[in-house]
Amino acid sequence: MGEGKYLPELLAEKDSLDVSFTHAMKLLAAEIERIQKGEPKKEGGDTYLDLFTVKNIKLKERVLIPVKQYPRVSLLPLLFSPVLLSAARLELHG
């Protein structure tokens, strides 16, 4: 799309857009400002994670379990899936 035609279309879209679409208004304003300054189009590059080349991603989150506050409540079923829980029981009892 030509730069000469692009800016008037952006301005027309901004004028026709309802004010309740605040995020869209901010994006349009940023794009209009970029065009008016003459900045080149930003190339995003790798903005998405390629699941086929990047493998074995480990996500860790430290969770504090209030065992002293709730000694009679078993919190393991809430934290682990049924498969992991049954495997843990097998290791403990078998």
Protein backbone atom coordinates (compact mmCIF):
# COMPACT_ATOMS: atom_id res chain seq x y z
CA MET A 1 0.00 0.00 0.00
CA GLY A 2 1.37 3.44 -0.89
CA GLU A 3 2.33 5.77 1.93
CA GLY A 4 0.26 8.58 0.36
CA LYS A 5 -2.93 6.54 0.54
CA TYR A 6 -2.18 4.84 3.86
CA LEU A 7 -2.16 7.95 6.08
CA PRO A 8 -5.59 9.27 4.95
CA GLU A 9 -7.06 5.79 5.49
CA LEU A 10 -5.62 5.68 9.01
CA LEU A 11 -7.01 9.13 9.79
CA ALA A 12 -10.43 8.20 8.40
CA GLU A 13 -10.48 5.00 10.43
CA LYS A 14 -9.51 6.90 13.59
CA ASP A 15 -12.32 9.42 12.98
CA SER A 16 -14.92 6.70 12.37
CA LEU A 17 -13.85 4.57 15.36
CA ASP A 18 -15.90 4.72 18.54
CA VAL A 19 -14.05 6.22 21.53
CA SER A 20 -14.79 3.15 23.65
CA PHE A 21 -12.14 1.24 21.68
CA THR A 22 -9.25 2.74 23.62
CA HIS A 23 -6.62 0.17 22.65
CA ALA A 24 -7.43 0.47 18.96
CA MET A 25 -7.28 4.25 19.25
CA LYS A 26 -3.82 4.05 20.86
CA LEU A 27 -2.58 1.71 18.14
CA LEU A 28 -3.94 3.93 15.39
CA ALA A 29 -2.42 7.03 17.00
CA ALA A 30 0.97 5.32 17.25
CA GLU A 31 0.80 4.20 13.60
CA ILE A 32 -0.24 7.69 12.44
CA GLU A 33 2.64 9.22 14.41
CA ARG A 34 5.08 6.72 12.91
CA ILE A 35 3.93 7.53 9.37
CA GLN A 36 4.06 11.31 9.98
CA LYS A 37 7.62 11.07 11.32
CA GLY A 38 8.64 9.04 8.29
CA GLU A 39 9.91 6.09 10.30
CA PRO A 40 10.20 2.78 8.46
CA LYS A 41 7.83 -0.07 9.16
CA LYS A 42 8.93 -2.10 12.15
CA GLU A 43 9.83 -5.67 11.40
CA GLY A 44 8.70 -7.87 14.28
CA GLY A 45 11.12 -10.70 13.67
CA ASP A 46 10.49 -13.76 15.81
CA THR A 47 7.60 -12.58 17.94
CA TYR A 48 6.17 -16.09 18.27
CA LEU A 49 7.74 -19.15 19.78
CA ASP A 50 8.37 -21.86 17.22
CA LEU A 51 7.22 -25.03 18.95
CA PHE A 52 8.93 -27.34 16.49
CA THR A 53 12.47 -25.98 16.86
CA VAL A 54 12.44 -24.93 20.51
CA LYS A 55 11.94 -27.99 22.67
CA ASN A 56 12.09 -28.92 26.34
CA ILE A 57 11.15 -25.63 27.92
CA LYS A 58 11.00 -25.93 31.68
CA LEU A 59 8.67 -23.63 33.53
CA LYS A 60 9.14 -23.40 37.27
CA GLU A 61 7.10 -21.64 39.85
CA ARG A 62 7.80 -21.77 43.55
CA VAL A 63 4.64 -22.40 45.53
CA LEU A 64 4.53 -22.07 49.28
CA ILE A 65 2.24 -24.66 50.84
CA PRO A 66 0.70 -23.61 54.19
CA VAL A 67 1.21 -26.97 55.94
CA LYS A 68 1.56 -25.45 59.42
CA GLN A 69 -1.65 -23.46 59.03
CA TYR A 70 -3.68 -26.39 57.66
CA PRO A 71 -2.12 -29.62 59.00
CA ARG A 72 -5.19 -31.81 58.42
CA VAL A 73 -5.85 -30.76 54.82
CA SER A 74 -4.17 -32.66 52.00
CA LEU A 75 -3.17 -30.10 49.41
CA LEU A 76 -1.49 -32.49 46.99
CA PRO A 77 -4.63 -33.19 44.92
CA LEU A 78 -5.02 -29.46 44.40
CA LEU A 79 -1.45 -29.06 43.15
CA PHE A 80 -0.85 -32.13 41.01
CA SER A 81 -2.76 -33.83 38.26
CA PRO A 82 -4.30 -37.24 39.02
CA VAL A 83 -1.60 -38.99 36.98
CA LEU A 84 1.25 -37.40 38.91
CA LEU A 85 -0.49 -37.98 42.20
CA SER A 86 -0.99 -41.69 41.55
CA ALA A 87 2.66 -42.01 40.49
CA ALA A 88 3.74 -40.34 43.72
CA ARG A 89 1.55 -42.72 45.74
CA LEU A 90 3.12 -45.68 43.98
CA GLU A 91 6.60 -44.45 44.86
CA LEU A 92 5.63 -43.94 48.50
CA HIS A 93 3.77 -47.23 49.00
CA GLY A 94 5.37 -49.51 46.48
